[in-house]
Amino acid sequence: MNLRDIAAASATWQVASIRADRSLTREIQQRLVSLGFQPGPVDGLWGNGTQSAFAASPGSTNLR
């Protein structure tokens, strides 16, 4: 699974399944930075900074 798969799907994704994928988490962190959000270090770990930045982004609508 990658970020394009998630963006193209109409399904709702579980955040836990994304957190477990360090490559995908890193990709999301990089995208958040490019959009002006501050997820903290781009390290593939879904921490508080990533969670806060993601929740503030428009991309969080298909996740629960």
Protein backbone atom coordinates (compact mmCIF):
# COMPACT_ATOMS: atom_id res chain seq x y z
CA MET A 1 0.00 0.00 0.00
CA ASN A 2 1.21 3.50 -0.76
CA LEU A 3 -0.17 7.01 -0.50
CA ARG A 4 -1.55 6.95 -4.04
CA ASP A 5 -3.51 3.78 -3.27
CA ILE A 6 -5.12 5.51 -0.32
CA ALA A 7 -5.84 8.71 -2.24
CA ALA A 8 -7.41 6.81 -5.15
CA ALA A 9 -9.65 4.63 -3.00
CA SER A 10 -13.10 5.53 -1.82
CA ALA A 11 -12.77 3.19 1.15
CA THR A 12 -12.13 4.21 4.73
CA TRP A 13 -8.70 3.21 6.02
CA GLN A 14 -7.74 2.21 9.55
CA VAL A 15 -5.05 4.52 10.96
CA ALA A 16 -3.53 1.53 12.79
CA SER A 17 -2.75 -0.22 9.50
CA ILE A 18 -1.04 2.90 8.19
CA ARG A 19 0.96 3.44 11.40
CA ALA A 20 2.36 -0.08 11.09
CA ASP A 21 3.81 0.68 7.64
CA ARG A 22 6.95 2.79 8.20
CA SER A 23 7.47 3.43 4.49
CA LEU A 24 3.93 4.74 4.10
CA THR A 25 4.21 6.79 7.29
CA ARG A 26 7.42 8.36 5.97
CA GLU A 27 5.66 9.18 2.68
CA ILE A 28 2.78 10.81 4.58
CA GLN A 29 5.23 12.78 6.73
CA GLN A 30 7.05 14.04 3.63
CA ARG A 31 3.76 15.09 2.06
CA LEU A 32 2.68 16.88 5.25
CA VAL A 33 5.95 18.84 5.25
CA SER A 34 5.49 19.78 1.57
CA LEU A 35 1.99 21.06 2.41
CA GLY A 36 3.32 23.25 5.22
CA PHE A 37 2.41 21.04 8.19
CA GLN A 38 4.89 20.18 10.97
CA PRO A 39 4.80 16.42 11.65
CA GLY A 40 8.19 16.41 13.37
CA PRO A 41 11.04 14.30 12.03
CA VAL A 42 10.43 12.40 8.79
CA ASP A 43 11.41 9.07 10.29
CA GLY A 44 8.57 6.69 9.48
CA LEU A 45 7.33 6.65 13.08
CA TRP A 46 3.76 7.80 13.67
CA GLY A 47 4.13 9.92 16.81
CA ASN A 48 2.21 12.80 18.33
CA GLY A 49 3.57 15.33 15.82
CA THR A 50 2.53 13.23 12.85
CA GLN A 51 -0.88 12.58 14.39
CA SER A 52 -1.49 16.29 15.04
CA ALA A 53 -0.31 17.38 11.59
CA PHE A 54 -2.34 14.67 9.90
CA ALA A 55 -5.50 15.49 11.84
CA ALA A 56 -5.16 19.13 10.76
CA SER A 57 -4.74 18.18 7.09
CA PRO A 58 -7.57 17.69 4.60
CA GLY A 59 -6.32 14.15 3.85
CA SER A 60 -7.60 12.76 7.12
CA THR A 61 -11.22 12.46 5.99
CA ASN A 62 -11.04 8.83 4.78
CA LEU A 63 -9.35 7.49 7.90
CA ARG A 64 -10.81 6.36 11.17
